[in-house]
Structure formats: structure tokens, C-alpha cells
Amino acid sequence: MKLKNSIRAARLRRERRVRAKLGVTRDYPRLSVFRSNRYTYAQVIDDRTGKTLASASSREIKEKGSGVSRSTSVGTLIAERAVKAGVSRAVLDRGRYRYHGRVKALAEAARKAGLNL
């Protein structure tokens, strides 16, 4: 039981540390990334109003492929939806995940699709 609590506490510490560094740039909405073992989710969130401006997930993608290729599709999709919602610039919130693999693929695809991160 103690191990489970310490793992959860460590995750929360990592998330808070990453988000504290984003606190300087609250002028822009944040592109929040969540990664489960099977799917990748992304949201563009305006923290001033507390509303989600755009969202996308790999559950919507019908193509088969690896996690990285599906995350690339999610990055393109979230960028298109964000630009359609009037957001041209955002701050990447990677949460507790390293900037590597699926998170990196999502961010780079969003940049290519026109979202300034």
C-alpha cells in the first residue's frame, strides 16, 4: 500500500513541477497531453476560463499503426481543430511524461500542422 501511494505522489510531484514552469506563460492556452498504454489524448485548454477549446484522441483515428504514428495523426488533428477554434499559439504541457516517443511525435506534428508551440 505504501508503494502505491509513493508512486502516485511521485507522479503528482512531476506534474506539478512541469506545470509550475508553464505558469510564466499563461497568456497562451496549453496543449495538454495524456498517454495511456493504448491511446493518446490531447486537449487545448484555456486556464483563465477553465474551458477546453479543442480536443483529439487516437481513439478517433481509424488507421492501424504504431503508437508513434497514431500520435502523429493526433497532433495533426489537434492542430487543425485548435486553429479552427482561433488558437494559433499554445504551450506544450507534457504532464508527467518525458518529451520522447509519442509525446514528441504529437508535438512535432502539431507544429507542422500550424500550431506554434
PDB file of N, CA and C in Angstrom:
ATOM      1  N   MET A   1       0.822  -1.200   0.000  1.00  0.00           N
ATOM      2  CA  MET A   1       0.000   0.000   0.000  1.00  0.00           C
ATOM      3  C   MET A   1       0.859   1.255   0.000  1.00  0.00           C
ATOM      4  N   LYS A   2       1.941   1.212   0.744  1.00  0.00           N
ATOM      5  CA  LYS A   2       2.803   2.380   0.816  1.00  0.00           C
ATOM      6  C   LYS A   2       3.478   2.653  -0.523  1.00  0.00           C
ATOM      7  N   LEU A   3       3.845   1.603  -1.264  1.00  0.00           N
ATOM      8  CA  LEU A   3       4.475   1.760  -2.564  1.00  0.00           C
ATOM      9  C   LEU A   3       3.525   2.455  -3.534  1.00  0.00           C
ATOM     10  N   LYS A   4       2.254   2.061  -3.525  1.00  0.00           N
ATOM     11  CA  LYS A   4       1.265   2.649  -4.420  1.00  0.00           C
ATOM     12  C   LYS A   4       1.113   4.149  -4.141  1.00  0.00           C
ATOM     13  N   ASN A   5       1.081   4.516  -2.876  1.00  0.00           N
ATOM     14  CA  ASN A   5       0.966   5.928  -2.516  1.00  0.00           C
ATOM     15  C   ASN A   5       2.201   6.711  -2.918  1.00  0.00           C
ATOM     16  N   SER A   6       3.372   6.106  -2.773  1.00  0.00           N
ATOM     17  CA  SER A   6       4.585   6.826  -3.127  1.00  0.00           C
ATOM     18  C   SER A   6       4.687   7.012  -4.643  1.00  0.00           C
ATOM     19  N   ILE A   7       4.227   6.049  -5.421  1.00  0.00           N
ATOM     20  CA  ILE A   7       4.225   6.181  -6.877  1.00  0.00           C
ATOM     21  C   ILE A   7       3.257   7.281  -7.288  1.00  0.00           C
ATOM     22  N   ARG A   8       2.088   7.297  -6.704  1.00  0.00           N
ATOM     23  CA  ARG A   8       1.089   8.330  -7.013  1.00  0.00           C
ATOM     24  C   ARG A   8       1.604   9.711  -6.615  1.00  0.00           C
ATOM     25  N   ALA A   9       2.253   9.794  -5.470  1.00  0.00           N
ATOM     26  CA  ALA A   9       2.805  11.070  -5.014  1.00  0.00           C
ATOM     27  C   ALA A   9       3.921  11.549  -5.942  1.00  0.00           C
ATOM     28  N   ALA A  10       4.743  10.630  -6.407  1.00  0.00           N
ATOM     29  CA  ALA A  10       5.823  10.999  -7.317  1.00  0.00           C
ATOM     30  C   ALA A  10       5.260  11.517  -8.637  1.00  0.00           C
ATOM     31  N   ARG A  11       4.204  10.896  -9.139  1.00  0.00           N
ATOM     32  CA  ARG A  11       3.559  11.355 -10.376  1.00  0.00           C
ATOM     33  C   ARG A  11       3.015  12.766 -10.208  1.00  0.00           C
ATOM     34  N   LEU A  12       2.356  12.995  -9.076  1.00  0.00           N
ATOM     35  CA  LEU A  12       1.803  14.326  -8.828  1.00  0.00           C
ATOM     36  C   LEU A  12       2.893  15.379  -8.711  1.00  0.00           C
ATOM     37  N   ARG A  13       4.017  15.023  -8.074  1.00  0.00           N
ATOM     38  CA  ARG A  13       5.133  15.960  -7.968  1.00  0.00           C
ATOM     39  C   ARG A  13       5.680  16.322  -9.343  1.00  0.00           C
ATOM     40  N   ARG A  14       5.826  15.313 -10.212  1.00  0.00           N
ATOM     41  CA  ARG A  14       6.334  15.576 -11.562  1.00  0.00           C
ATOM     42  C   ARG A  14       5.379  16.472 -12.342  1.00  0.00           C
ATOM     43  N   GLU A  15       4.078  16.200 -12.252  1.00  0.00           N
ATOM     44  CA  GLU A  15       3.091  17.024 -12.958  1.00  0.00           C
ATOM     45  C   GLU A  15       3.121  18.464 -12.462  1.00  0.00           C
ATOM     46  N   ARG A  16       3.169  18.650 -11.162  1.00  0.00           N
ATOM     47  CA  ARG A  16       3.197  19.998 -10.589  1.00  0.00           C
ATOM     48  C   ARG A  16       4.462  20.744 -10.978  1.00  0.00           C
ATOM     49  N   ARG A  17       5.590  20.040 -11.005  1.00  0.00           N
ATOM     50  CA  ARG A  17       6.854  20.664 -11.376  1.00  0.00           C
ATOM     51  C   ARG A  17       6.809  21.149 -12.826  1.00  0.00           C
ATOM     52  N   VAL A  18       6.275  20.342 -13.722  1.00  0.00           N
ATOM     53  CA  VAL A  18       6.183  20.730 -15.124  1.00  0.00           C
ATOM     54  C   VAL A  18       5.216  21.899 -15.284  1.00  0.00           C
ATOM     55  N   ARG A  19       4.067  21.840 -14.638  1.00  0.00           N
ATOM     56  CA  ARG A  19       3.073  22.903 -14.779  1.00  0.00           C
ATOM     57  C   ARG A  19       3.516  24.204 -14.117  1.00  0.00           C
ATOM     58  N   ALA A  20       4.342  24.123 -13.092  1.00  0.00           N
ATOM     59  CA  ALA A  20       4.847  25.341 -12.449  1.00  0.00           C
ATOM     60  C   ALA A  20       5.747  26.110 -13.405  1.00  0.00           C
ATOM     61  N   LYS A  21       6.488  25.388 -14.237  1.00  0.00           N
ATOM     62  CA  LYS A  21       7.340  26.045 -15.217  1.00  0.00           C
ATOM     63  C   LYS A  21       6.526  26.676 -16.332  1.00  0.00           C
ATOM     64  N   LEU A  22       5.325  26.184 -16.568  1.00  0.00           N
ATOM     65  CA  LEU A  22       4.439  26.762 -17.578  1.00  0.00           C
ATOM     66  C   LEU A  22       3.729  27.998 -17.054  1.00  0.00           C
ATOM     67  N   GLY A  23       3.720  28.203 -15.747  1.00  0.00           N
ATOM     68  CA  GLY A  23       2.965  29.286 -15.131  1.00  0.00           C
ATOM     69  C   GLY A  23       3.362  30.666 -15.581  1.00  0.00           C
ATOM     70  N   VAL A  24       4.560  30.814 -16.079  1.00  0.00           N
ATOM     71  CA  VAL A  24       5.034  32.116 -16.530  1.00  0.00           C
ATOM     72  C   VAL A  24       4.294  32.547 -17.788  1.00  0.00           C
ATOM     73  N   THR A  25       3.874  31.599 -18.610  1.00  0.00           N
ATOM     74  CA  THR A  25       3.303  31.904 -19.914  1.00  0.00           C
ATOM     75  C   THR A  25       1.806  31.608 -19.967  1.00  0.00           C
ATOM     76  N   ARG A  26       1.063  32.090 -19.031  1.00  0.00           N
ATOM     77  CA  ARG A  26      -0.372  31.832 -19.010  1.00  0.00           C
ATOM     78  C   ARG A  26      -1.144  32.684 -20.021  1.00  0.00           C
ATOM     79  N   ASP A  27      -0.438  33.478 -20.822  1.00  0.00           N
ATOM     80  CA  ASP A  27      -1.113  34.274 -21.841  1.00  0.00           C
ATOM     81  C   ASP A  27      -1.648  33.387 -22.957  1.00  0.00           C
ATOM     82  N   TYR A  28      -1.089  32.199 -23.089  1.00  0.00           N
ATOM     83  CA  TYR A  28      -1.483  31.279 -24.143  1.00  0.00           C
ATOM     84  C   TYR A  28      -2.183  30.065 -23.535  1.00  0.00           C
ATOM     85  N   PRO A  29      -3.087  29.449 -24.279  1.00  0.00           N
ATOM     86  CA  PRO A  29      -3.660  28.193 -23.791  1.00  0.00           C
ATOM     87  C   PRO A  29      -2.601  27.096 -23.806  1.00  0.00           C
ATOM     88  N   ARG A  30      -2.860  26.012 -23.098  1.00  0.00           N
ATOM     89  CA  ARG A  30      -1.870  24.943 -23.053  1.00  0.00           C
ATOM     90  C   ARG A  30      -2.379  23.708 -23.779  1.00  0.00           C
ATOM     91  N   LEU A  31      -1.478  23.064 -24.462  1.00  0.00           N
ATOM     92  CA  LEU A  31      -1.761  21.805 -25.136  1.00  0.00           C
ATOM     93  C   LEU A  31      -1.375  20.700 -24.165  1.00  0.00           C
ATOM     94  N   SER A  32      -2.371  20.112 -23.532  1.00  0.00           N
ATOM     95  CA  SER A  32      -2.145  19.086 -22.524  1.00  0.00           C
ATOM     96  C   SER A  32      -2.178  17.711 -23.177  1.00  0.00           C
ATOM     97  N   VAL A  33      -1.188  16.881 -22.867  1.00  0.00           N
ATOM     98  CA  VAL A  33      -1.068  15.552 -23.452  1.00  0.00           C
ATOM     99  C   VAL A  33      -1.244  14.512 -22.357  1.00  0.00           C
ATOM    100  N   PHE A  34      -2.081  13.510 -22.630  1.00  0.00           N
ATOM    101  CA  PHE A  34      -2.220  12.363 -21.730  1.00  0.00           C
ATOM    102  C   PHE A  34      -1.987  11.115 -22.552  1.00  0.00           C
ATOM    103  N   ARG A  35      -1.267  10.196 -21.974  1.00  0.00           N
ATOM    104  CA  ARG A  35      -0.864   8.998 -22.683  1.00  0.00           C
ATOM    105  C   ARG A  35      -1.231   7.794 -21.829  1.00  0.00           C
ATOM    106  N   SER A  36      -2.108   6.943 -22.328  1.00  0.00           N
ATOM    107  CA  SER A  36      -2.374   5.683 -21.641  1.00  0.00           C
ATOM    108  C   SER A  36      -1.563   4.606 -22.356  1.00  0.00           C
ATOM    109  N   ASN A  37      -1.686   3.376 -21.917  1.00  0.00           N
ATOM    110  CA  ASN A  37      -0.939   2.307 -22.574  1.00  0.00           C
ATOM    111  C   ASN A  37      -1.427   2.078 -24.003  1.00  0.00           C
ATOM    112  N   ARG A  38      -2.681   2.416 -24.262  1.00  0.00           N
ATOM    113  CA  ARG A  38      -3.273   2.112 -25.563  1.00  0.00           C
ATOM    114  C   ARG A  38      -3.525   3.338 -26.434  1.00  0.00           C
ATOM    115  N   TYR A  39      -3.914   4.449 -25.834  1.00  0.00           N
ATOM    116  CA  TYR A  39      -4.319   5.627 -26.588  1.00  0.00           C
ATOM    117  C   TYR A  39      -3.526   6.864 -26.169  1.00  0.00           C
ATOM    118  N   THR A  40      -3.615   7.891 -27.008  1.00  0.00           N
ATOM    119  CA  THR A  40      -3.012   9.188 -26.721  1.00  0.00           C
ATOM    120  C   THR A  40      -4.098  10.241 -26.844  1.00  0.00           C
ATOM    121  N   TYR A  41      -4.169  11.141 -25.878  1.00  0.00           N
ATOM    122  CA  TYR A  41      -5.187  12.181 -25.866  1.00  0.00           C
ATOM    123  C   TYR A  41      -4.512  13.547 -25.810  1.00  0.00           C
ATOM    124  N   ALA A  42      -5.154  14.545 -26.434  1.00  0.00           N
ATOM    125  CA  ALA A  42      -4.620  15.905 -26.391  1.00  0.00           C
ATOM    126  C   ALA A  42      -5.779  16.884 -26.263  1.00  0.00           C
ATOM    127  N   GLN A  43      -5.568  17.942 -25.473  1.00  0.00           N
ATOM    128  CA  GLN A  43      -6.565  18.992 -25.290  1.00  0.00           C
ATOM    129  C   GLN A  43      -5.872  20.342 -25.314  1.00  0.00           C
ATOM    130  N   VAL A  44      -6.533  21.319 -25.909  1.00  0.00           N
ATOM    131  CA  VAL A  44      -6.080  22.696 -25.807  1.00  0.00           C
ATOM    132  C   VAL A  44      -6.986  23.354 -24.782  1.00  0.00           C
ATOM    133  N   ILE A  45      -6.409  23.795 -23.654  1.00  0.00           N
ATOM    134  CA  ILE A  45      -7.177  24.285 -22.511  1.00  0.00           C
ATOM    135  C   ILE A  45      -6.836  25.741 -22.244  1.00  0.00           C
ATOM    136  N   ASP A  46      -7.861  26.567 -22.084  1.00  0.00           N
ATOM    137  CA  ASP A  46      -7.678  27.956 -21.662  1.00  0.00           C
ATOM    138  C   ASP A  46      -7.831  27.980 -20.152  1.00  0.00           C
ATOM    139  N   ASP A  47      -6.729  28.203 -19.444  1.00  0.00           N
ATOM    140  CA  ASP A  47      -6.752  28.139 -17.983  1.00  0.00           C
ATOM    141  C   ASP A  47      -7.443  29.332 -17.345  1.00  0.00           C
ATOM    142  N   ARG A  48      -7.531  30.449 -18.036  1.00  0.00           N
ATOM    143  CA  ARG A  48      -8.212  31.614 -17.459  1.00  0.00           C
ATOM    144  C   ARG A  48      -9.704  31.359 -17.307  1.00  0.00           C
ATOM    145  N   THR A  49     -10.303  30.713 -18.313  1.00  0.00           N
ATOM    146  CA  THR A  49     -11.739  30.418 -18.246  1.00  0.00           C
ATOM    147  C   THR A  49     -12.012  28.991 -17.795  1.00  0.00           C
ATOM    148  N   GLY A  50     -10.994  28.133 -17.846  1.00  0.00           N
ATOM    149  CA  GLY A  50     -11.168  26.749 -17.433  1.00  0.00           C
ATOM    150  C   GLY A  50     -11.915  25.917 -18.454  1.00  0.00           C
ATOM    151  N   LYS A  51     -11.831  26.288 -19.737  1.00  0.00           N
ATOM    152  CA  LYS A  51     -12.572  25.575 -20.773  1.00  0.00           C
ATOM    153  C   LYS A  51     -11.629  24.915 -21.763  1.00  0.00           C
ATOM    154  N   THR A  52     -12.087  23.792 -22.290  1.00  0.00           N
ATOM    155  CA  THR A  52     -11.362  23.090 -23.336  1.00  0.00           C
ATOM    156  C   THR A  52     -11.760  23.682 -24.677  1.00  0.00           C
ATOM    157  N   LEU A  53     -10.785  24.161 -25.436  1.00  0.00           N
ATOM    158  CA  LEU A  53     -11.050  24.794 -26.721  1.00  0.00           C
ATOM    159  C   LEU A  53     -11.067  23.785 -27.864  1.00  0.00           C
ATOM    160  N   ALA A  54     -10.243  22.747 -27.763  1.00  0.00           N
ATOM    161  CA  ALA A  54     -10.184  21.706 -28.787  1.00  0.00           C
ATOM    162  C   ALA A  54      -9.655  20.430 -28.147  1.00  0.00           C
ATOM    163  N   SER A  55     -10.064  19.307 -28.688  1.00  0.00           N
ATOM    164  CA  SER A  55      -9.565  18.037 -28.177  1.00  0.00           C
ATOM    165  C   SER A  55      -9.481  17.018 -29.309  1.00  0.00           C
ATOM    166  N   ALA A  56      -8.610  16.034 -29.124  1.00  0.00           N
ATOM    167  CA  ALA A  56      -8.450  14.948 -30.093  1.00  0.00           C
ATOM    168  C   ALA A  56      -7.858  13.747 -29.371  1.00  0.00           C
ATOM    169  N   SER A  57      -8.109  12.574 -29.907  1.00  0.00           N
ATOM    170  CA  SER A  57      -7.524  11.376 -29.319  1.00  0.00           C
ATOM    171  C   SER A  57      -7.259  10.344 -30.402  1.00  0.00           C
ATOM    172  N   SER A  58      -6.430   9.385 -30.083  1.00  0.00           N
ATOM    173  CA  SER A  58      -6.129   8.332 -31.036  1.00  0.00           C
ATOM    174  C   SER A  58      -7.285   7.347 -31.156  1.00  0.00           C
ATOM    175  N   ARG A  59      -8.277   7.466 -30.308  1.00  0.00           N
ATOM    176  CA  ARG A  59      -9.468   6.626 -30.437  1.00  0.00           C
ATOM    177  C   ARG A  59     -10.270   7.017 -31.673  1.00  0.00           C
ATOM    178  N   GLU A  60     -10.115   8.257 -32.105  1.00  0.00           N
ATOM    179  CA  GLU A  60     -10.822   8.736 -33.289  1.00  0.00           C
ATOM    180  C   GLU A  60     -10.139   8.303 -34.583  1.00  0.00           C
ATOM    181  N   ILE A  61      -8.874   7.954 -34.500  1.00  0.00           N
ATOM    182  CA  ILE A  61      -8.093   7.597 -35.675  1.00  0.00           C
ATOM    183  C   ILE A  61      -8.421   6.154 -36.046  1.00  0.00           C
ATOM    184  N   LYS A  62      -8.851   5.946 -37.279  1.00  0.00           N
ATOM    185  CA  LYS A  62      -9.250   4.603 -37.703  1.00  0.00           C
ATOM    186  C   LYS A  62      -8.110   3.796 -38.310  1.00  0.00           C
ATOM    187  N   GLU A  63      -7.018   4.467 -38.667  1.00  0.00           N
ATOM    188  CA  GLU A  63      -5.911   3.760 -39.303  1.00  0.00           C
ATOM    189  C   GLU A  63      -5.163   2.888 -38.313  1.00  0.00           C
ATOM    190  N   LYS A  64      -4.629   1.820 -38.809  1.00  0.00           N
ATOM    191  CA  LYS A  64      -3.802   0.937 -37.999  1.00  0.00           C
ATOM    192  C   LYS A  64      -2.380   1.471 -38.009  1.00  0.00           C
ATOM    193  N   GLY A  65      -1.630   1.136 -37.011  1.00  0.00           N
ATOM    194  CA  GLY A  65      -0.238   1.567 -36.979  1.00  0.00           C
ATOM    195  C   GLY A  65       0.295   1.567 -35.569  1.00  0.00           C
ATOM    196  N   SER A  66       1.543   1.983 -35.445  1.00  0.00           N
ATOM    197  CA  SER A  66       2.191   2.011 -34.137  1.00  0.00           C
ATOM    198  C   SER A  66       1.676   3.189 -33.325  1.00  0.00           C
ATOM    199  N   GLY A  67       2.044   3.224 -32.069  1.00  0.00           N
ATOM    200  CA  GLY A  67       1.633   4.322 -31.196  1.00  0.00           C
ATOM    201  C   GLY A  67       2.174   5.656 -31.644  1.00  0.00           C
ATOM    202  N   VAL A  68       3.399   5.666 -32.164  1.00  0.00           N
ATOM    203  CA  VAL A  68       4.013   6.909 -32.613  1.00  0.00           C
ATOM    204  C   VAL A  68       3.294   7.442 -33.851  1.00  0.00           C
ATOM    205  N   SER A  69       2.962   6.565 -34.783  1.00  0.00           N
ATOM    206  CA  SER A  69       2.277   7.030 -35.999  1.00  0.00           C
ATOM    207  C   SER A  69       0.868   7.517 -35.679  1.00  0.00           C
ATOM    208  N   ARG A  70       0.198   6.871 -34.755  1.00  0.00           N
ATOM    209  CA  ARG A  70      -1.138   7.324 -34.362  1.00  0.00           C
ATOM    210  C   ARG A  70      -1.051   8.646 -33.596  1.00  0.00           C
ATOM    211  N   SER A  71      -0.010   8.834 -32.794  1.00  0.00           N
ATOM    212  CA  SER A  71       0.181  10.096 -32.082  1.00  0.00           C
ATOM    213  C   SER A  71       0.480  11.230 -33.044  1.00  0.00           C
ATOM    214  N   THR A  72       1.174  10.930 -34.127  1.00  0.00           N
ATOM    215  CA  THR A  72       1.410  11.927 -35.161  1.00  0.00           C
ATOM    216  C   THR A  72       0.089  12.388 -35.760  1.00  0.00           C
ATOM    217  N   SER A  73      -0.814  11.445 -35.996  1.00  0.00           N
ATOM    218  CA  SER A  73      -2.136  11.792 -36.521  1.00  0.00           C
ATOM    219  C   SER A  73      -2.924  12.630 -35.526  1.00  0.00           C
ATOM    220  N   VAL A  74      -2.794  12.322 -34.245  1.00  0.00           N
ATOM    221  CA  VAL A  74      -3.482  13.095 -33.203  1.00  0.00           C
ATOM    222  C   VAL A  74      -2.927  14.519 -33.159  1.00  0.00           C
ATOM    223  N   GLY A  75      -1.617  14.679 -33.306  1.00  0.00           N
ATOM    224  CA  GLY A  75      -1.007  16.006 -33.322  1.00  0.00           C
ATOM    225  C   GLY A  75      -1.510  16.853 -34.470  1.00  0.00           C
ATOM    226  N   THR A  76      -1.622  16.248 -35.639  1.00  0.00           N
ATOM    227  CA  THR A  76      -2.154  16.963 -36.798  1.00  0.00           C
ATOM    228  C   THR A  76      -3.606  17.352 -36.575  1.00  0.00           C
ATOM    229  N   LEU A  77      -4.385  16.430 -36.041  1.00  0.00           N
ATOM    230  CA  LEU A  77      -5.815  16.666 -35.801  1.00  0.00           C
ATOM    231  C   LEU A  77      -6.037  17.759 -34.756  1.00  0.00           C
ATOM    232  N   ILE A  78      -5.282  17.736 -33.662  1.00  0.00           N
ATOM    233  CA  ILE A  78      -5.467  18.753 -32.614  1.00  0.00           C
ATOM    234  C   ILE A  78      -5.054  20.128 -33.127  1.00  0.00           C
ATOM    235  N   ALA A  79      -4.024  20.188 -33.954  1.00  0.00           N
ATOM    236  CA  ALA A  79      -3.599  21.478 -34.502  1.00  0.00           C
ATOM    237  C   ALA A  79      -4.667  22.051 -35.431  1.00  0.00           C
ATOM    238  N   GLU A  80      -5.248  21.207 -36.267  1.00  0.00           N
ATOM    239  CA  GLU A  80      -6.310  21.670 -37.167  1.00  0.00           C
ATOM    240  C   GLU A  80      -7.501  22.194 -36.376  1.00  0.00           C
ATOM    241  N   ARG A  81      -7.892  21.463 -35.345  1.00  0.00           N
ATOM    242  CA  ARG A  81      -9.041  21.875 -34.531  1.00  0.00           C
ATOM    243  C   ARG A  81      -8.736  23.140 -33.732  1.00  0.00           C
ATOM    244  N   ALA A  82      -7.510  23.270 -33.248  1.00  0.00           N
ATOM    245  CA  ALA A  82      -7.138  24.462 -32.483  1.00  0.00           C
ATOM    246  C   ALA A  82      -7.128  25.699 -33.378  1.00  0.00           C
ATOM    247  N   VAL A  83      -6.573  25.577 -34.567  1.00  0.00           N
ATOM    248  CA  VAL A  83      -6.547  26.705 -35.497  1.00  0.00           C
ATOM    249  C   VAL A  83      -7.975  27.088 -35.886  1.00  0.00           C
ATOM    250  N   LYS A  84      -8.823  26.094 -36.073  1.00  0.00           N
ATOM    251  CA  LYS A  84     -10.236  26.350 -36.390  1.00  0.00           C
ATOM    252  C   LYS A  84     -10.941  27.072 -35.237  1.00  0.00           C
ATOM    253  N   ALA A  85     -10.512  26.802 -34.002  1.00  0.00           N
ATOM    254  CA  ALA A  85     -11.092  27.454 -32.817  1.00  0.00           C
ATOM    255  C   ALA A  85     -10.470  28.822 -32.549  1.00  0.00           C
ATOM    256  N   GLY A  86      -9.494  29.216 -33.375  1.00  0.00           N
ATOM    257  CA  GLY A  86      -8.892  30.537 -33.217  1.00  0.00           C
ATOM    258  C   GLY A  86      -7.624  30.573 -32.400  1.00  0.00           C
ATOM    259  N   VAL A  87      -7.022  29.429 -32.154  1.00  0.00           N
ATOM    260  CA  VAL A  87      -5.784  29.358 -31.372  1.00  0.00           C
ATOM    261  C   VAL A  87      -4.632  29.119 -32.333  1.00  0.00           C
ATOM    262  N   SER A  88      -3.688  30.047 -32.379  1.00  0.00           N
ATOM    263  CA  SER A  88      -2.534  29.861 -33.252  1.00  0.00           C
ATOM    264  C   SER A  88      -1.272  29.552 -32.452  1.00  0.00           C
ATOM    265  N   ARG A  89      -1.308  29.838 -31.156  1.00  0.00           N
ATOM    266  CA  ARG A  89      -0.131  29.634 -30.307  1.00  0.00           C
ATOM    267  C   ARG A  89      -0.569  28.976 -29.000  1.00  0.00           C
ATOM    268  N   ALA A  90       0.206  28.016 -28.548  1.00  0.00           N
ATOM    269  CA  ALA A  90      -0.088  27.318 -27.297  1.00  0.00           C
ATOM    270  C   ALA A  90       1.217  26.919 -26.623  1.00  0.00           C
ATOM    271  N   VAL A  91       1.113  26.468 -25.379  1.00  0.00           N
ATOM    272  CA  VAL A  91       2.258  25.990 -24.608  1.00  0.00           C
ATOM    273  C   VAL A  91       2.073  24.496 -24.392  1.00  0.00           C
ATOM    274  N   LEU A  92       3.103  23.717 -24.667  1.00  0.00           N
ATOM    275  CA  LEU A  92       3.017  22.268 -24.518  1.00  0.00           C
ATOM    276  C   LEU A  92       3.107  21.882 -23.051  1.00  0.00           C
ATOM    277  N   ASP A  93       2.080  21.178 -22.572  1.00  0.00           N
ATOM    278  CA  ASP A  93       2.078  20.620 -21.219  1.00  0.00           C
ATOM    279  C   ASP A  93       2.187  19.117 -21.361  1.00  0.00           C
ATOM    280  N   ARG A  94       3.393  18.597 -21.167  1.00  0.00           N
ATOM    281  CA  ARG A  94       3.618  17.170 -21.356  1.00  0.00           C
ATOM    282  C   ARG A  94       3.230  16.361 -20.124  1.00  0.00           C
ATOM    283  N   GLY A  95       2.811  17.036 -19.066  1.00  0.00           N
ATOM    284  CA  GLY A  95       2.402  16.336 -17.852  1.00  0.00           C
ATOM    285  C   GLY A  95       3.571  15.635 -17.211  1.00  0.00           C
ATOM    286  N   ARG A  96       3.389  14.380 -16.876  1.00  0.00           N
ATOM    287  CA  ARG A  96       4.458  13.644 -16.203  1.00  0.00           C
ATOM    288  C   ARG A  96       5.311  12.842 -17.179  1.00  0.00           C
ATOM    289  N   TYR A  97       5.091  13.032 -18.483  1.00  0.00           N
ATOM    290  CA  TYR A  97       5.776  12.230 -19.490  1.00  0.00           C
ATOM    291  C   TYR A  97       7.005  12.955 -20.026  1.00  0.00           C
ATOM    292  N   ARG A  98       8.004  12.202 -20.382  1.00  0.00           N
ATOM    293  CA  ARG A  98       9.203  12.766 -20.995  1.00  0.00           C
ATOM    294  C   ARG A  98       8.893  13.193 -22.420  1.00  0.00           C
ATOM    295  N   TYR A  99       9.637  14.165 -22.904  1.00  0.00           N
ATOM    296  CA  TYR A  99       9.486  14.622 -24.281  1.00  0.00           C
ATOM    297  C   TYR A  99      10.211  13.618 -25.169  1.00  0.00           C
ATOM    298  N   HIS A 100       9.526  12.512 -25.451  1.00  0.00           N
ATOM    299  CA  HIS A 100      10.147  11.396 -26.142  1.00  0.00           C
ATOM    300  C   HIS A 100       9.033  10.523 -26.699  1.00  0.00           C
ATOM    301  N   GLY A 101       9.256   9.881 -27.804  1.00  0.00           N
ATOM    302  CA  GLY A 101       8.303   8.915 -28.341  1.00  0.00           C
ATOM    303  C   GLY A 101       7.001   9.544 -28.785  1.00  0.00           C
ATOM    304  N   ARG A 102       5.898   9.068 -28.196  1.00  0.00           N
ATOM    305  CA  ARG A 102       4.575   9.521 -28.617  1.00  0.00           C
ATOM    306  C   ARG A 102       4.327  10.995 -28.322  1.00  0.00           C
ATOM    307  N   VAL A 103       4.823  11.486 -27.204  1.00  0.00           N
ATOM    308  CA  VAL A 103       4.631  12.902 -26.849  1.00  0.00           C
ATOM    309  C   VAL A 103       5.391  13.789 -27.834  1.00  0.00           C
ATOM    310  N   LYS A 104       6.595  13.419 -28.155  1.00  0.00           N
ATOM    311  CA  LYS A 104       7.407  14.178 -29.100  1.00  0.00           C
ATOM    312  C   LYS A 104       6.780  14.151 -30.489  1.00  0.00           C
ATOM    313  N   ALA A 105       6.285  12.991 -30.923  1.00  0.00           N
ATOM    314  CA  ALA A 105       5.654  12.869 -32.238  1.00  0.00           C
ATOM    315  C   ALA A 105       4.413  13.746 -32.330  1.00  0.00           C
ATOM    316  N   LEU A 106       3.617  13.777 -31.267  1.00  0.00           N
ATOM    317  CA  LEU A 106       2.415  14.610 -31.228  1.00  0.00           C
ATOM    318  C   LEU A 106       2.783  16.088 -31.334  1.00  0.00           C
ATOM    319  N   ALA A 107       3.763  16.531 -30.573  1.00  0.00           N
ATOM    320  CA  ALA A 107       4.162  17.942 -30.565  1.00  0.00           C
ATOM    321  C   ALA A 107       4.724  18.365 -31.917  1.00  0.00           C
ATOM    322  N   GLU A 108       5.571  17.541 -32.510  1.00  0.00           N
ATOM    323  CA  GLU A 108       6.167  17.894 -33.798  1.00  0.00           C
ATOM    324  C   GLU A 108       5.114  17.931 -34.903  1.00  0.00           C
ATOM    325  N   ALA A 109       4.149  17.012 -34.869  1.00  0.00           N
ATOM    326  CA  ALA A 109       3.081  17.008 -35.869  1.00  0.00           C
ATOM    327  C   ALA A 109       2.189  18.240 -35.714  1.00  0.00           C
ATOM    328  N   ALA A 110       1.936  18.650 -34.473  1.00  0.00           N
ATOM    329  CA  ALA A 110       1.132  19.853 -34.240  1.00  0.00           C
ATOM    330  C   ALA A 110       1.847  21.090 -34.769  1.00  0.00           C
ATOM    331  N   ARG A 111       3.163  21.139 -34.596  1.00  0.00           N
ATOM    332  CA  ARG A 111       3.945  22.262 -35.131  1.00  0.00           C
ATOM    333  C   ARG A 111       3.883  22.300 -36.654  1.00  0.00           C
ATOM    334  N   LYS A 112       4.020  21.126 -37.278  1.00  0.00           N
ATOM    335  CA  LYS A 112       3.974  21.061 -38.739  1.00  0.00           C
ATOM    336  C   LYS A 112       2.613  21.480 -39.279  1.00  0.00           C
ATOM    337  N   ALA A 113       1.557  21.178 -38.528  1.00  0.00           N
ATOM    338  CA  ALA A 113       0.199  21.476 -38.974  1.00  0.00           C
ATOM    339  C   ALA A 113      -0.209  22.922 -38.710  1.00  0.00           C
ATOM    340  N   GLY A 114       0.685  23.726 -38.120  1.00  0.00           N
ATOM    341  CA  GLY A 114       0.411  25.144 -37.999  1.00  0.00           C
ATOM    342  C   GLY A 114       0.214  25.691 -36.601  1.00  0.00           C
ATOM    343  N   LEU A 115       0.354  24.851 -35.581  1.00  0.00           N
ATOM    344  CA  LEU A 115       0.212  25.325 -34.200  1.00  0.00           C
ATOM    345  C   LEU A 115       1.588  25.730 -33.693  1.00  0.00           C
ATOM    346  N   ASN A 116       1.729  26.931 -33.223  1.00  0.00           N
ATOM    347  CA  ASN A 116       3.014  27.439 -32.749  1.00  0.00           C
ATOM    348  C   ASN A 116       3.177  27.059 -31.285  1.00  0.00           C
ATOM    349  N   LEU A 117       4.062  26.098 -31.009  1.00  0.00           N
ATOM    350  CA  LEU A 117       4.319  25.625 -29.645  1.00  0.00           C
ATOM    351  C   LEU A 117       5.629  26.186 -29.139  1.00  0.00           C
TER     352      LEU A 117
END
